[in-house]
């Protein structure tokens, strides 16, 4: 059996297992989001996946409605800060109070299990980048351009090397290299190892 076949079987088994195990989350979290800030419950955002093809990633909404539009069209000062911080904002004012809790527990990312089942993502892989972010960051850091094709040669993952090695504290230059090296190795043993490391990485954020 090839690595890709093994990986797909692992993806299906783990994603379905987690959806069943955390069934109460799918019921309780939408109610809490609605009570906290209304609709929509889910947030979808276009990302670039394997082969450079676009797809929509799904999350529980952790920001105010229309947060992306506010950032890119209505708040130039915040957008400048966002890009200066390598596409991250410390203490992002768009995140709701409930959203902070969901993010700290990584619960906001649970709907990505649907992306795994549909085949757009894998349980383990490089970060699911926004196309514009990947383009601008590799231009900003020319030494990372060589990693771009490797990153896009495999499916993005819910978890991966950078997520279990410091996450937001890892700068783009290091993260891109880690993602590219992961794509080169393609090891089911490493995938399983990363899955086992993920709960500890989640707890370390608390």
C-alpha atoms as a PDB file:
ATOM      1  CA  UNK A   1       0.000   0.000   0.000  1.00  0.00           C
ATOM      2  CA  UNK A   2       1.384   3.418  -0.962  1.00  0.00           C
ATOM      3  CA  UNK A   3       1.991   6.257   1.464  1.00  0.00           C
ATOM      4  CA  UNK A   4      -0.901   8.247  -0.042  1.00  0.00           C
ATOM      5  CA  UNK A   5      -3.302   5.341   0.474  1.00  0.00           C
ATOM      6  CA  UNK A   6      -2.123   4.845   4.050  1.00  0.00           C
ATOM      7  CA  UNK A   7      -2.474   8.563   4.728  1.00  0.00           C
ATOM      8  CA  UNK A   8      -6.017   8.700   3.331  1.00  0.00           C
ATOM      9  CA  UNK A   9      -7.107   5.765   5.499  1.00  0.00           C
ATOM     10  CA  UNK A  10      -5.533   7.443   8.549  1.00  0.00           C
ATOM     11  CA  UNK A  11      -7.289  10.721   7.685  1.00  0.00           C
ATOM     12  CA  UNK A  12     -10.726   9.110   7.414  1.00  0.00           C
ATOM     13  CA  UNK A  13     -10.390   7.000  10.573  1.00  0.00           C
ATOM     14  CA  UNK A  14      -9.033   9.824  12.735  1.00  0.00           C
ATOM     15  CA  UNK A  15     -11.407  12.533  11.477  1.00  0.00           C
ATOM     16  CA  UNK A  16     -14.539  10.396  11.882  1.00  0.00           C
ATOM     17  CA  UNK A  17     -13.305   9.155  15.273  1.00  0.00           C
ATOM     18  CA  UNK A  18     -12.783  12.720  16.516  1.00  0.00           C
ATOM     19  CA  UNK A  19     -16.169  13.880  15.212  1.00  0.00           C
ATOM     20  CA  UNK A  20     -17.908  11.091  17.121  1.00  0.00           C
ATOM     21  CA  UNK A  21     -15.777  11.533  20.249  1.00  0.00           C
ATOM     22  CA  UNK A  22     -16.450  15.268  20.430  1.00  0.00           C
ATOM     23  CA  UNK A  23     -20.085  15.172  19.300  1.00  0.00           C
ATOM     24  CA  UNK A  24     -21.198  17.469  22.184  1.00  0.00           C
ATOM     25  CA  UNK A  25     -18.888  20.189  20.816  1.00  0.00           C
ATOM     26  CA  UNK A  26     -20.879  20.272  17.554  1.00  0.00           C
ATOM     27  CA  UNK A  27     -24.050  20.884  19.554  1.00  0.00           C
ATOM     28  CA  UNK A  28     -22.904  23.206  22.340  1.00  0.00           C
ATOM     29  CA  UNK A  29     -20.439  25.500  20.507  1.00  0.00           C
ATOM     30  CA  UNK A  30     -22.908  26.708  17.830  1.00  0.00           C
ATOM     31  CA  UNK A  31     -25.390  27.623  20.585  1.00  0.00           C
ATOM     32  CA  UNK A  32     -22.703  29.549  22.490  1.00  0.00           C
ATOM     33  CA  UNK A  33     -21.575  31.413  19.356  1.00  0.00           C
ATOM     34  CA  UNK A  34     -25.160  32.425  18.565  1.00  0.00           C
ATOM     35  CA  UNK A  35     -25.768  33.642  22.129  1.00  0.00           C
ATOM     36  CA  UNK A  36     -22.464  35.521  22.149  1.00  0.00           C
ATOM     37  CA  UNK A  37     -22.571  37.282  18.766  1.00  0.00           C
ATOM     38  CA  UNK A  38     -25.358  35.857  16.614  1.00  0.00           C
ATOM     39  CA  UNK A  39     -24.976  34.371  13.151  1.00  0.00           C
ATOM     40  CA  UNK A  40     -23.080  33.089  11.237  1.00  0.00           C
ATOM     41  CA  UNK A  41     -21.927  30.116  13.284  1.00  0.00           C
ATOM     42  CA  UNK A  42     -19.299  28.957  10.818  1.00  0.00           C
ATOM     43  CA  UNK A  43     -16.574  30.916   9.076  1.00  0.00           C
ATOM     44  CA  UNK A  44     -15.248  29.912   5.682  1.00  0.00           C
ATOM     45  CA  UNK A  45     -12.136  31.322   4.108  1.00  0.00           C
ATOM     46  CA  UNK A  46     -10.410  30.647   0.801  1.00  0.00           C
ATOM     47  CA  UNK A  47      -7.049  28.913   1.137  1.00  0.00           C
ATOM     48  CA  UNK A  48      -4.586  27.408  -1.325  1.00  0.00           C
ATOM     49  CA  UNK A  49      -4.143  23.650  -1.255  1.00  0.00           C
ATOM     50  CA  UNK A  50      -2.345  20.878  -3.085  1.00  0.00           C
ATOM     51  CA  UNK A  51      -1.260  21.841  -6.584  1.00  0.00           C
ATOM     52  CA  UNK A  52      -2.043  25.489  -5.876  1.00  0.00           C
ATOM     53  CA  UNK A  53      -5.802  24.842  -6.087  1.00  0.00           C
ATOM     54  CA  UNK A  54      -8.114  27.009  -3.997  1.00  0.00           C
ATOM     55  CA  UNK A  55     -10.574  25.565  -1.492  1.00  0.00           C
ATOM     56  CA  UNK A  56     -12.654  26.858   1.401  1.00  0.00           C
ATOM     57  CA  UNK A  57     -11.510  26.050   4.908  1.00  0.00           C
ATOM     58  CA  UNK A  58     -14.186  25.853   7.623  1.00  0.00           C
ATOM     59  CA  UNK A  59     -13.984  26.973  11.248  1.00  0.00           C
ATOM     60  CA  UNK A  60     -16.281  27.904  14.086  1.00  0.00           C
ATOM     61  CA  UNK A  61     -16.488  31.700  13.904  1.00  0.00           C
ATOM     62  CA  UNK A  62     -14.237  33.260  16.560  1.00  0.00           C
ATOM     63  CA  UNK A  63     -14.276  36.844  15.256  1.00  0.00           C
ATOM     64  CA  UNK A  64     -16.951  39.473  14.826  1.00  0.00           C
ATOM     65  CA  UNK A  65     -19.080  39.112  11.674  1.00  0.00           C
ATOM     66  CA  UNK A  66     -17.407  40.500   8.527  1.00  0.00           C
ATOM     67  CA  UNK A  67     -14.016  40.545  10.285  1.00  0.00           C
ATOM     68  CA  UNK A  68     -12.116  39.884   7.057  1.00  0.00           C
ATOM     69  CA  UNK A  69     -13.874  42.717   5.228  1.00  0.00           C
ATOM     70  CA  UNK A  70     -13.180  45.079   8.130  1.00  0.00           C
ATOM     71  CA  UNK A  71      -9.479  44.201   8.016  1.00  0.00           C
ATOM     72  CA  UNK A  72      -8.948  44.509   4.270  1.00  0.00           C
ATOM     73  CA  UNK A  73     -11.383  47.280   3.344  1.00  0.00           C
ATOM     74  CA  UNK A  74     -12.197  49.411   6.389  1.00  0.00           C
ATOM     75  CA  UNK A  75      -9.169  49.505   8.678  1.00  0.00           C
ATOM     76  CA  UNK A  76      -5.896  50.272   6.876  1.00  0.00           C
ATOM     77  CA  UNK A  77      -4.047  50.798  10.166  1.00  0.00           C
ATOM     78  CA  UNK A  78      -5.005  47.314  11.375  1.00  0.00           C
ATOM     79  CA  UNK A  79      -4.111  45.792   7.979  1.00  0.00           C
ATOM     80  CA  UNK A  80      -0.670  47.404   8.117  1.00  0.00           C
ATOM     81  CA  UNK A  81      -0.131  45.996  11.603  1.00  0.00           C
ATOM     82  CA  UNK A  82      -1.382  42.599  10.394  1.00  0.00           C
ATOM     83  CA  UNK A  83       1.144  42.390   7.554  1.00  0.00           C
ATOM     84  CA  UNK A  84       3.980  43.814   9.654  1.00  0.00           C
ATOM     85  CA  UNK A  85       3.370  40.977  12.112  1.00  0.00           C
ATOM     86  CA  UNK A  86       3.769  38.330   9.380  1.00  0.00           C
ATOM     87  CA  UNK A  87      -0.016  38.014   8.925  1.00  0.00           C
ATOM     88  CA  UNK A  88      -0.730  37.851  12.651  1.00  0.00           C
ATOM     89  CA  UNK A  89      -2.035  40.453  15.102  1.00  0.00           C
ATOM     90  CA  UNK A  90      -1.346  40.197  18.806  1.00  0.00           C
ATOM     91  CA  UNK A  91      -4.543  40.883  20.771  1.00  0.00           C
ATOM     92  CA  UNK A  92      -6.580  41.129  17.567  1.00  0.00           C
ATOM     93  CA  UNK A  93      -9.552  43.413  18.400  1.00  0.00           C
ATOM     94  CA  UNK A  94     -11.793  41.489  15.988  1.00  0.00           C
ATOM     95  CA  UNK A  95     -11.760  38.335  18.136  1.00  0.00           C
ATOM     96  CA  UNK A  96     -14.822  37.926  20.343  1.00  0.00           C
ATOM     97  CA  UNK A  97     -14.605  37.010  24.043  1.00  0.00           C
ATOM     98  CA  UNK A  98     -15.916  33.537  23.285  1.00  0.00           C
ATOM     99  CA  UNK A  99     -13.589  33.375  20.275  1.00  0.00           C
ATOM    100  CA  UNK A 100     -10.566  33.797  22.536  1.00  0.00           C
ATOM    101  CA  UNK A 101     -11.667  30.739  24.501  1.00  0.00           C
ATOM    102  CA  UNK A 102     -12.371  28.703  21.362  1.00  0.00           C
ATOM    103  CA  UNK A 103      -8.953  29.589  19.947  1.00  0.00           C
ATOM    104  CA  UNK A 104      -7.105  28.843  23.180  1.00  0.00           C
ATOM    105  CA  UNK A 105      -8.633  25.352  23.155  1.00  0.00           C
ATOM    106  CA  UNK A 106      -8.298  25.022  19.336  1.00  0.00           C
ATOM    107  CA  UNK A 107     -12.021  24.258  19.219  1.00  0.00           C
ATOM    108  CA  UNK A 108     -12.512  26.824  16.446  1.00  0.00           C
ATOM    109  CA  UNK A 109     -10.652  24.468  14.078  1.00  0.00           C
ATOM    110  CA  UNK A 110     -12.919  21.425  14.627  1.00  0.00           C
ATOM    111  CA  UNK A 111     -14.947  22.002  11.408  1.00  0.00           C
ATOM    112  CA  UNK A 112     -11.755  21.425   9.430  1.00  0.00           C
ATOM    113  CA  UNK A 113     -12.457  17.737  10.025  1.00  0.00           C
ATOM    114  CA  UNK A 114     -15.059  18.162   7.268  1.00  0.00           C
ATOM    115  CA  UNK A 115     -12.272  19.435   4.983  1.00  0.00           C
ATOM    116  CA  UNK A 116     -10.347  16.251   5.749  1.00  0.00           C
ATOM    117  CA  UNK A 117     -13.296  14.006   4.944  1.00  0.00           C
ATOM    118  CA  UNK A 118     -13.920  15.787   1.615  1.00  0.00           C
ATOM    119  CA  UNK A 119     -10.229  15.408   0.740  1.00  0.00           C
ATOM    120  CA  UNK A 120      -9.217  19.076   0.608  1.00  0.00           C
ATOM    121  CA  UNK A 121      -7.055  18.688   3.700  1.00  0.00           C
ATOM    122  CA  UNK A 122      -5.238  16.008   5.655  1.00  0.00           C
ATOM    123  CA  UNK A 123      -4.983  15.520   9.401  1.00  0.00           C
ATOM    124  CA  UNK A 124      -1.235  16.204   9.109  1.00  0.00           C
ATOM    125  CA  UNK A 125       0.423  18.543   6.642  1.00  0.00           C
ATOM    126  CA  UNK A 126       1.733  22.060   6.001  1.00  0.00           C
ATOM    127  CA  UNK A 127      -0.308  25.046   7.109  1.00  0.00           C
ATOM    128  CA  UNK A 128      -3.324  25.887   4.909  1.00  0.00           C
ATOM    129  CA  UNK A 129      -2.068  29.253   3.674  1.00  0.00           C
ATOM    130  CA  UNK A 130      -4.025  32.149   2.254  1.00  0.00           C
ATOM    131  CA  UNK A 131      -2.672  32.450  -1.301  1.00  0.00           C
ATOM    132  CA  UNK A 132      -1.927  36.160  -0.931  1.00  0.00           C
ATOM    133  CA  UNK A 133      -0.133  35.522   2.363  1.00  0.00           C
ATOM    134  CA  UNK A 134       2.072  32.816   0.851  1.00  0.00           C
ATOM    135  CA  UNK A 135       2.868  34.993  -2.174  1.00  0.00           C
ATOM    136  CA  UNK A 136       3.646  38.116  -0.130  1.00  0.00           C
ATOM    137  CA  UNK A 137       5.627  36.298   2.546  1.00  0.00           C
ATOM    138  CA  UNK A 138       7.842  34.478   0.042  1.00  0.00           C
ATOM    139  CA  UNK A 139       8.485  37.836  -1.645  1.00  0.00           C
ATOM    140  CA  UNK A 140       9.258  39.453   1.704  1.00  0.00           C
ATOM    141  CA  UNK A 141      11.613  36.589   2.617  1.00  0.00           C
ATOM    142  CA  UNK A 142      13.294  35.550  -0.703  1.00  0.00           C
ATOM    143  CA  UNK A 143      15.117  32.693   0.987  1.00  0.00           C
ATOM    144  CA  UNK A 144      11.755  30.907   1.343  1.00  0.00           C
ATOM    145  CA  UNK A 145      10.816  30.979  -2.368  1.00  0.00           C
ATOM    146  CA  UNK A 146      12.404  27.572  -2.920  1.00  0.00           C
ATOM    147  CA  UNK A 147      10.010  26.075  -0.359  1.00  0.00           C
ATOM    148  CA  UNK A 148       6.782  27.241  -2.004  1.00  0.00           C
ATOM    149  CA  UNK A 149       6.444  24.466  -4.597  1.00  0.00           C
ATOM    150  CA  UNK A 150       7.159  21.800  -1.982  1.00  0.00           C
ATOM    151  CA  UNK A 151       4.554  23.226   0.411  1.00  0.00           C
ATOM    152  CA  UNK A 152       1.946  23.115  -2.355  1.00  0.00           C
ATOM    153  CA  UNK A 153       2.904  19.587  -3.412  1.00  0.00           C
ATOM    154  CA  UNK A 154       0.945  18.000  -0.540  1.00  0.00           C
ATOM    155  CA  UNK A 155      -2.412  18.578   1.137  1.00  0.00           C
ATOM    156  CA  UNK A 156      -2.441  21.158   3.940  1.00  0.00           C
ATOM    157  CA  UNK A 157      -3.090  19.742   7.393  1.00  0.00           C
ATOM    158  CA  UNK A 158      -5.055  20.522  10.539  1.00  0.00           C
ATOM    159  CA  UNK A 159      -1.863  19.851  12.459  1.00  0.00           C
ATOM    160  CA  UNK A 160       1.747  19.562  11.380  1.00  0.00           C
ATOM    161  CA  UNK A 161       5.394  20.172  12.296  1.00  0.00           C
ATOM    162  CA  UNK A 162       5.019  23.892  13.049  1.00  0.00           C
ATOM    163  CA  UNK A 163       1.764  23.470  14.978  1.00  0.00           C
ATOM    164  CA  UNK A 164       3.530  21.107  17.381  1.00  0.00           C
ATOM    165  CA  UNK A 165       6.684  23.245  17.614  1.00  0.00           C
ATOM    166  CA  UNK A 166       5.557  26.602  18.931  1.00  0.00           C
ATOM    167  CA  UNK A 167       2.858  27.582  16.455  1.00  0.00           C
ATOM    168  CA  UNK A 168       2.435  31.398  16.398  1.00  0.00           C
ATOM    169  CA  UNK A 169       5.860  31.846  17.986  1.00  0.00           C
ATOM    170  CA  UNK A 170       7.489  30.240  14.928  1.00  0.00           C
ATOM    171  CA  UNK A 171       8.438  32.911  12.320  1.00  0.00           C
ATOM    172  CA  UNK A 172       7.426  32.413   8.685  1.00  0.00           C
ATOM    173  CA  UNK A 173      10.991  31.678   7.527  1.00  0.00           C
ATOM    174  CA  UNK A 174      11.256  28.740   9.922  1.00  0.00           C
ATOM    175  CA  UNK A 175       7.671  27.608   9.388  1.00  0.00           C
ATOM    176  CA  UNK A 176       8.048  27.500   5.598  1.00  0.00           C
ATOM    177  CA  UNK A 177      11.221  25.451   5.881  1.00  0.00           C
ATOM    178  CA  UNK A 178       9.562  23.017   8.310  1.00  0.00           C
ATOM    179  CA  UNK A 179       6.562  22.601   6.001  1.00  0.00           C
ATOM    180  CA  UNK A 180       8.782  22.027   2.954  1.00  0.00           C
ATOM    181  CA  UNK A 181      10.952  19.476   4.746  1.00  0.00           C
ATOM    182  CA  UNK A 182       7.835  17.652   5.934  1.00  0.00           C
ATOM    183  CA  UNK A 183       6.552  17.499   2.336  1.00  0.00           C
ATOM    184  CA  UNK A 184       9.845  15.960   1.220  1.00  0.00           C
ATOM    185  CA  UNK A 185       9.877  13.228   3.882  1.00  0.00           C
ATOM    186  CA  UNK A 186       6.317  11.838   3.455  1.00  0.00           C
ATOM    187  CA  UNK A 187       6.368   9.337   6.300  1.00  0.00           C
ATOM    188  CA  UNK A 188       3.270   7.718   7.822  1.00  0.00           C
ATOM    189  CA  UNK A 189       5.285   7.117  10.998  1.00  0.00           C
ATOM    190  CA  UNK A 190       5.970  10.855  11.269  1.00  0.00           C
ATOM    191  CA  UNK A 191       2.286  11.610  10.641  1.00  0.00           C
ATOM    192  CA  UNK A 192       1.242   9.346  13.509  1.00  0.00           C
ATOM    193  CA  UNK A 193       3.940  10.870  15.734  1.00  0.00           C
ATOM    194  CA  UNK A 194       2.674  14.401  15.011  1.00  0.00           C
ATOM    195  CA  UNK A 195      -0.902  13.341  15.800  1.00  0.00           C
ATOM    196  CA  UNK A 196       0.237  12.056  19.193  1.00  0.00           C
ATOM    197  CA  UNK A 197       2.149  15.303  19.866  1.00  0.00           C
ATOM    198  CA  UNK A 198      -0.806  17.530  18.976  1.00  0.00           C
ATOM    199  CA  UNK A 199      -2.811  17.231  22.242  1.00  0.00           C
ATOM    200  CA  UNK A 200       0.257  18.265  24.254  1.00  0.00           C
ATOM    201  CA  UNK A 201       0.816  21.236  21.918  1.00  0.00           C
ATOM    202  CA  UNK A 202      -2.838  22.266  22.394  1.00  0.00           C
ATOM    203  CA  UNK A 203      -2.594  22.056  26.183  1.00  0.00           C
ATOM    204  CA  UNK A 204       0.631  24.129  26.191  1.00  0.00           C
ATOM    205  CA  UNK A 205      -1.367  27.079  24.780  1.00  0.00           C
ATOM    206  CA  UNK A 206      -3.605  27.284  27.851  1.00  0.00           C
END
